[in-house]
Amino acid sequence: MGEPVLLLTGRMSLQAENYRGLLEVTPERIVLQVRHAQIAVIGENLQVEYYAREELRIAGLVSRVEFL
């Protein structure tokens, strides 16, 4: 598993690859575990559109992405 890959499409969708798991899922915050860190997606009406072993897609109004 390499470095995380994030594809942000406008402010309405974020696709992530090379993640290890989901740590938190709320309508305002979704936290992903990646290799050596965590990534928090902050916004409004966030939801996991699909979740597969290799990638996932988050839909909703994304206001920021933080590396923790």
PDB file of N, CA and C in Angstrom:
ATOM      1  N   MET A   1       0.852  -1.183   0.000  1.00  0.00           N
ATOM      2  CA  MET A   1       0.000   0.000   0.000  1.00  0.00           C
ATOM      3  C   MET A   1       0.887   1.231   0.000  1.00  0.00           C
ATOM      4  N   GLY A   2       0.689   2.109  -0.992  1.00  0.00           N
ATOM      5  CA  GLY A   2       1.505   3.303  -1.131  1.00  0.00           C
ATOM      6  C   GLY A   2       0.903   4.499  -0.427  1.00  0.00           C
ATOM      7  N   GLU A   3       1.295   5.651  -0.902  1.00  0.00           N
ATOM      8  CA  GLU A   3       0.793   6.905  -0.344  1.00  0.00           C
ATOM      9  C   GLU A   3      -0.686   7.069  -0.707  1.00  0.00           C
ATOM     10  N   PRO A   4      -1.445   7.795   0.145  1.00  0.00           N
ATOM     11  CA  PRO A   4      -2.858   8.005  -0.168  1.00  0.00           C
ATOM     12  C   PRO A   4      -3.011   8.887  -1.410  1.00  0.00           C
ATOM     13  N   VAL A   5      -4.035   8.613  -2.180  1.00  0.00           N
ATOM     14  CA  VAL A   5      -4.364   9.398  -3.365  1.00  0.00           C
ATOM     15  C   VAL A   5      -5.753   9.967  -3.141  1.00  0.00           C
ATOM     16  N   LEU A   6      -5.874  11.296  -3.225  1.00  0.00           N
ATOM     17  CA  LEU A   6      -7.157  11.966  -3.041  1.00  0.00           C
ATOM     18  C   LEU A   6      -7.503  12.714  -4.318  1.00  0.00           C
ATOM     19  N   LEU A   7      -8.725  12.541  -4.786  1.00  0.00           N
ATOM     20  CA  LEU A   7      -9.217  13.248  -5.963  1.00  0.00           C
ATOM     21  C   LEU A   7     -10.446  14.031  -5.541  1.00  0.00           C
ATOM     22  N   LEU A   8     -10.309  15.346  -5.508  1.00  0.00           N
ATOM     23  CA  LEU A   8     -11.400  16.222  -5.107  1.00  0.00           C
ATOM     24  C   LEU A   8     -12.033  16.783  -6.371  1.00  0.00           C
ATOM     25  N   THR A   9     -13.322  16.521  -6.551  1.00  0.00           N
ATOM     26  CA  THR A   9     -14.057  17.011  -7.710  1.00  0.00           C
ATOM     27  C   THR A   9     -14.922  18.171  -7.248  1.00  0.00           C
ATOM     28  N   GLY A  10     -14.458  19.381  -7.536  1.00  0.00           N
ATOM     29  CA  GLY A  10     -15.167  20.560  -7.038  1.00  0.00           C
ATOM     30  C   GLY A  10     -15.216  20.521  -5.524  1.00  0.00           C
ATOM     31  N   ARG A  11     -16.361  20.863  -4.970  1.00  0.00           N
ATOM     32  CA  ARG A  11     -16.553  20.791  -3.520  1.00  0.00           C
ATOM     33  C   ARG A  11     -17.562  19.721  -3.145  1.00  0.00           C
ATOM     34  N   MET A  12     -17.989  18.906  -4.130  1.00  0.00           N
ATOM     35  CA  MET A  12     -19.091  17.988  -3.882  1.00  0.00           C
ATOM     36  C   MET A  12     -18.701  16.517  -3.785  1.00  0.00           C
ATOM     37  N   SER A  13     -17.450  16.169  -4.066  1.00  0.00           N
ATOM     38  CA  SER A  13     -17.085  14.757  -4.072  1.00  0.00           C
ATOM     39  C   SER A  13     -15.586  14.603  -3.834  1.00  0.00           C
ATOM     40  N   LEU A  14     -15.220  13.598  -3.058  1.00  0.00           N
ATOM     41  CA  LEU A  14     -13.824  13.273  -2.822  1.00  0.00           C
ATOM     42  C   LEU A  14     -13.663  11.763  -2.935  1.00  0.00           C
ATOM     43  N   GLN A  15     -12.712  11.349  -3.747  1.00  0.00           N
ATOM     44  CA  GLN A  15     -12.406   9.927  -3.900  1.00  0.00           C
ATOM     45  C   GLN A  15     -11.043   9.681  -3.275  1.00  0.00           C
ATOM     46  N   ALA A  16     -10.931   8.613  -2.494  1.00  0.00           N
ATOM     47  CA  ALA A  16      -9.676   8.289  -1.815  1.00  0.00           C
ATOM     48  C   ALA A  16      -9.249   6.872  -2.172  1.00  0.00           C
ATOM     49  N   GLU A  17      -7.943   6.714  -2.387  1.00  0.00           N
ATOM     50  CA  GLU A  17      -7.349   5.400  -2.639  1.00  0.00           C
ATOM     51  C   GLU A  17      -6.202   5.210  -1.651  1.00  0.00           C
ATOM     52  N   ASN A  18      -5.818   3.976  -1.431  1.00  0.00           N
ATOM     53  CA  ASN A  18      -4.711   3.627  -0.539  1.00  0.00           C
ATOM     54  C   ASN A  18      -4.954   4.066   0.900  1.00  0.00           C
ATOM     55  N   TYR A  19      -6.137   3.815   1.397  1.00  0.00           N
ATOM     56  CA  TYR A  19      -6.457   4.092   2.790  1.00  0.00           C
ATOM     57  C   TYR A  19      -6.552   2.759   3.524  1.00  0.00           C
ATOM     58  N   ARG A  20      -6.480   2.801   4.829  1.00  0.00           N
ATOM     59  CA  ARG A  20      -6.545   1.565   5.628  1.00  0.00           C
ATOM     60  C   ARG A  20      -7.898   1.354   6.282  1.00  0.00           C
ATOM     61  N   GLY A  21      -8.642   2.422   6.526  1.00  0.00           N
ATOM     62  CA  GLY A  21      -9.942   2.258   7.152  1.00  0.00           C
ATOM     63  C   GLY A  21     -10.596   3.586   7.477  1.00  0.00           C
ATOM     64  N   LEU A  22     -11.848   3.495   7.927  1.00  0.00           N
ATOM     65  CA  LEU A  22     -12.617   4.654   8.375  1.00  0.00           C
ATOM     66  C   LEU A  22     -12.594   4.690   9.896  1.00  0.00           C
ATOM     67  N   LEU A  23     -12.266   5.832  10.464  1.00  0.00           N
ATOM     68  CA  LEU A  23     -12.225   5.977  11.918  1.00  0.00           C
ATOM     69  C   LEU A  23     -13.441   6.707  12.469  1.00  0.00           C
ATOM     70  N   GLU A  24     -14.006   7.612  11.673  1.00  0.00           N
ATOM     71  CA  GLU A  24     -15.150   8.406  12.136  1.00  0.00           C
ATOM     72  C   GLU A  24     -15.992   8.786  10.929  1.00  0.00           C
ATOM     73  N   VAL A  25     -17.306   8.674  11.074  1.00  0.00           N
ATOM     74  CA  VAL A  25     -18.214   9.075   9.999  1.00  0.00           C
ATOM     75  C   VAL A  25     -19.385   9.817  10.618  1.00  0.00           C
ATOM     76  N   THR A  26     -19.449  11.123  10.370  1.00  0.00           N
ATOM     77  CA  THR A  26     -20.595  11.938  10.761  1.00  0.00           C
ATOM     78  C   THR A  26     -20.929  12.831   9.566  1.00  0.00           C
ATOM     79  N   PRO A  27     -22.071  13.492   9.570  1.00  0.00           N
ATOM     80  CA  PRO A  27     -22.406  14.384   8.451  1.00  0.00           C
ATOM     81  C   PRO A  27     -21.457  15.587   8.326  1.00  0.00           C
ATOM     82  N   GLU A  28     -20.692  15.892   9.374  1.00  0.00           N
ATOM     83  CA  GLU A  28     -19.781  17.032   9.343  1.00  0.00           C
ATOM     84  C   GLU A  28     -18.307  16.638   9.221  1.00  0.00           C
ATOM     85  N   ARG A  29     -17.985  15.354   9.448  1.00  0.00           N
ATOM     86  CA  ARG A  29     -16.564  14.961   9.493  1.00  0.00           C
ATOM     87  C   ARG A  29     -16.423  13.464   9.202  1.00  0.00           C
ATOM     88  N   ILE A  30     -15.503  13.159   8.288  1.00  0.00           N
ATOM     89  CA  ILE A  30     -15.151  11.772   8.001  1.00  0.00           C
ATOM     90  C   ILE A  30     -13.638  11.664   8.119  1.00  0.00           C
ATOM     91  N   VAL A  31     -13.174  10.725   8.940  1.00  0.00           N
ATOM     92  CA  VAL A  31     -11.740  10.563   9.181  1.00  0.00           C
ATOM     93  C   VAL A  31     -11.285   9.221   8.609  1.00  0.00           C
ATOM     94  N   LEU A  32     -10.250   9.282   7.782  1.00  0.00           N
ATOM     95  CA  LEU A  32      -9.660   8.101   7.171  1.00  0.00           C
ATOM     96  C   LEU A  32      -8.317   7.804   7.811  1.00  0.00           C
ATOM     97  N   GLN A  33      -8.038   6.531   8.026  1.00  0.00           N
ATOM     98  CA  GLN A  33      -6.708   6.111   8.457  1.00  0.00           C
ATOM     99  C   GLN A  33      -5.914   5.802   7.205  1.00  0.00           C
ATOM    100  N   VAL A  34      -4.753   6.436   7.065  1.00  0.00           N
ATOM    101  CA  VAL A  34      -3.850   6.145   5.963  1.00  0.00           C
ATOM    102  C   VAL A  34      -2.558   5.611   6.547  1.00  0.00           C
ATOM    103  N   ARG A  35      -1.597   5.361   5.736  1.00  0.00           N
ATOM    104  CA  ARG A  35      -0.389   4.636   6.156  1.00  0.00           C
ATOM    105  C   ARG A  35       0.248   5.177   7.442  1.00  0.00           C
ATOM    106  N   HIS A  36       0.613   6.456   7.471  1.00  0.00           N
ATOM    107  CA  HIS A  36       1.306   7.010   8.635  1.00  0.00           C
ATOM    108  C   HIS A  36       0.583   8.205   9.246  1.00  0.00           C
ATOM    109  N   ALA A  37      -0.683   8.362   8.934  1.00  0.00           N
ATOM    110  CA  ALA A  37      -1.406   9.539   9.421  1.00  0.00           C
ATOM    111  C   ALA A  37      -2.905   9.278   9.342  1.00  0.00           C
ATOM    112  N   GLN A  38      -3.648  10.345   9.563  1.00  0.00           N
ATOM    113  CA  GLN A  38      -5.091  10.328   9.388  1.00  0.00           C
ATOM    114  C   GLN A  38      -5.460  11.530   8.535  1.00  0.00           C
ATOM    115  N   ILE A  39      -6.525  11.392   7.777  1.00  0.00           N
ATOM    116  CA  ILE A  39      -7.018  12.476   6.936  1.00  0.00           C
ATOM    117  C   ILE A  39      -8.456  12.745   7.345  1.00  0.00           C
ATOM    118  N   ALA A  40      -8.754  14.002   7.678  1.00  0.00           N
ATOM    119  CA  ALA A  40     -10.110  14.397   8.049  1.00  0.00           C
ATOM    120  C   ALA A  40     -10.717  15.210   6.912  1.00  0.00           C
ATOM    121  N   VAL A  41     -11.895  14.814   6.499  1.00  0.00           N
ATOM    122  CA  VAL A  41     -12.662  15.561   5.504  1.00  0.00           C
ATOM    123  C   VAL A  41     -13.760  16.273   6.273  1.00  0.00           C
ATOM    124  N   ILE A  42     -13.771  17.600   6.193  1.00  0.00           N
ATOM    125  CA  ILE A  42     -14.703  18.431   6.958  1.00  0.00           C
ATOM    126  C   ILE A  42     -15.678  19.069   5.984  1.00  0.00           C
ATOM    127  N   GLY A  43     -16.959  19.109   6.351  1.00  0.00           N
ATOM    128  CA  GLY A  43     -17.944  19.736   5.480  1.00  0.00           C
ATOM    129  C   GLY A  43     -19.347  19.613   6.025  1.00  0.00           C
ATOM    130  N   GLU A  44     -20.310  19.577   5.106  1.00  0.00           N
ATOM    131  CA  GLU A  44     -21.727  19.490   5.460  1.00  0.00           C
ATOM    132  C   GLU A  44     -22.380  18.367   4.672  1.00  0.00           C
ATOM    133  N   ASN A  45     -23.290  17.669   5.308  1.00  0.00           N
ATOM    134  CA  ASN A  45     -24.039  16.583   4.668  1.00  0.00           C
ATOM    135  C   ASN A  45     -23.122  15.539   4.031  1.00  0.00           C
ATOM    136  N   LEU A  46     -22.014  15.239   4.691  1.00  0.00           N
ATOM    137  CA  LEU A  46     -21.071  14.260   4.165  1.00  0.00           C
ATOM    138  C   LEU A  46     -21.614  12.852   4.355  1.00  0.00           C
ATOM    139  N   GLN A  47     -21.377  12.019   3.372  1.00  0.00           N
ATOM    140  CA  GLN A  47     -21.755  10.614   3.460  1.00  0.00           C
ATOM    141  C   GLN A  47     -20.808   9.800   2.592  1.00  0.00           C
ATOM    142  N   VAL A  48     -20.623   8.554   2.969  1.00  0.00           N
ATOM    143  CA  VAL A  48     -19.795   7.650   2.183  1.00  0.00           C
ATOM    144  C   VAL A  48     -20.693   7.069   1.099  1.00  0.00           C
ATOM    145  N   GLU A  49     -20.440   7.456  -0.146  1.00  0.00           N
ATOM    146  CA  GLU A  49     -21.241   6.978  -1.272  1.00  0.00           C
ATOM    147  C   GLU A  49     -20.957   5.523  -1.586  1.00  0.00           C
ATOM    148  N   TYR A  50     -19.692   5.167  -1.614  1.00  0.00           N
ATOM    149  CA  TYR A  50     -19.334   3.760  -1.728  1.00  0.00           C
ATOM    150  C   TYR A  50     -18.011   3.520  -1.035  1.00  0.00           C
ATOM    151  N   TYR A  51     -17.841   2.290  -0.595  1.00  0.00           N
ATOM    152  CA  TYR A  51     -16.723   1.901   0.245  1.00  0.00           C
ATOM    153  C   TYR A  51     -16.262   0.539  -0.232  1.00  0.00           C
ATOM    154  N   ALA A  52     -15.083   0.475  -0.803  1.00  0.00           N
ATOM    155  CA  ALA A  52     -14.515  -0.784  -1.267  1.00  0.00           C
ATOM    156  C   ALA A  52     -13.128  -0.931  -0.654  1.00  0.00           C
ATOM    157  N   ARG A  53     -12.548  -2.074  -0.832  1.00  0.00           N
ATOM    158  CA  ARG A  53     -11.243  -2.336  -0.217  1.00  0.00           C
ATOM    159  C   ARG A  53     -10.167  -1.357  -0.689  1.00  0.00           C
ATOM    160  N   GLU A  54     -10.216  -0.981  -1.951  1.00  0.00           N
ATOM    161  CA  GLU A  54      -9.153  -0.150  -2.508  1.00  0.00           C
ATOM    162  C   GLU A  54      -9.497   1.322  -2.628  1.00  0.00           C
ATOM    163  N   GLU A  55     -10.782   1.658  -2.628  1.00  0.00           N
ATOM    164  CA  GLU A  55     -11.151   3.065  -2.764  1.00  0.00           C
ATOM    165  C   GLU A  55     -12.501   3.337  -2.132  1.00  0.00           C
ATOM    166  N   LEU A  56     -12.745   4.617  -1.889  1.00  0.00           N
ATOM    167  CA  LEU A  56     -14.051   5.047  -1.403  1.00  0.00           C
ATOM    168  C   LEU A  56     -14.355   6.410  -1.966  1.00  0.00           C
ATOM    169  N   ARG A  57     -15.629   6.756  -1.940  1.00  0.00           N
ATOM    170  CA  ARG A  57     -16.051   8.075  -2.415  1.00  0.00           C
ATOM    171  C   ARG A  57     -16.917   8.721  -1.340  1.00  0.00           C
ATOM    172  N   ILE A  58     -16.613   9.974  -1.057  1.00  0.00           N
ATOM    173  CA  ILE A  58     -17.368  10.773  -0.100  1.00  0.00           C
ATOM    174  C   ILE A  58     -18.125  11.830  -0.886  1.00  0.00           C
ATOM    175  N   ALA A  59     -19.424  11.957  -0.621  1.00  0.00           N
ATOM    176  CA  ALA A  59     -20.254  12.975  -1.255  1.00  0.00           C
ATOM    177  C   ALA A  59     -20.713  13.960  -0.193  1.00  0.00           C
ATOM    178  N   GLY A  60     -21.018  15.169  -0.615  1.00  0.00           N
ATOM    179  CA  GLY A  60     -21.458  16.222   0.280  1.00  0.00           C
ATOM    180  C   GLY A  60     -20.664  17.485  -0.001  1.00  0.00           C
ATOM    181  N   LEU A  61     -20.907  18.507   0.767  1.00  0.00           N
ATOM    182  CA  LEU A  61     -20.222  19.781   0.584  1.00  0.00           C
ATOM    183  C   LEU A  61     -18.904  19.751   1.370  1.00  0.00           C
ATOM    184  N   VAL A  62     -17.793  19.590   0.679  1.00  0.00           N
ATOM    185  CA  VAL A  62     -16.473  19.512   1.319  1.00  0.00           C
ATOM    186  C   VAL A  62     -15.942  20.932   1.493  1.00  0.00           C
ATOM    187  N   SER A  63     -15.635  21.304   2.734  1.00  0.00           N
ATOM    188  CA  SER A  63     -15.088  22.643   2.983  1.00  0.00           C
ATOM    189  C   SER A  63     -13.580  22.621   3.189  1.00  0.00           C
ATOM    190  N   ARG A  64     -13.057  21.491   3.713  1.00  0.00           N
ATOM    191  CA  ARG A  64     -11.590  21.390   3.859  1.00  0.00           C
ATOM    192  C   ARG A  64     -11.163  19.943   4.097  1.00  0.00           C
ATOM    193  N   VAL A  65      -9.893  19.704   3.847  1.00  0.00           N
ATOM    194  CA  VAL A  65      -9.273  18.407   4.077  1.00  0.00           C
ATOM    195  C   VAL A  65      -8.055  18.655   4.967  1.00  0.00           C
ATOM    196  N   GLU A  66      -7.960  17.917   6.069  1.00  0.00           N
ATOM    197  CA  GLU A  66      -6.866  18.115   7.021  1.00  0.00           C
ATOM    198  C   GLU A  66      -6.060  16.832   7.176  1.00  0.00           C
ATOM    199  N   PHE A  67      -4.744  16.965   7.205  1.00  0.00           N
ATOM    200  CA  PHE A  67      -3.878  15.841   7.502  1.00  0.00           C
ATOM    201  C   PHE A  67      -3.525  15.919   8.979  1.00  0.00           C
ATOM    202  N   LEU A  68      -3.867  14.881   9.734  1.00  0.00           N
ATOM    203  CA  LEU A  68      -3.678  14.885  11.190  1.00  0.00           C
ATOM    204  C   LEU A  68      -2.459  14.071  11.567  1.00  0.00           C
TER     205      LEU A  68
END
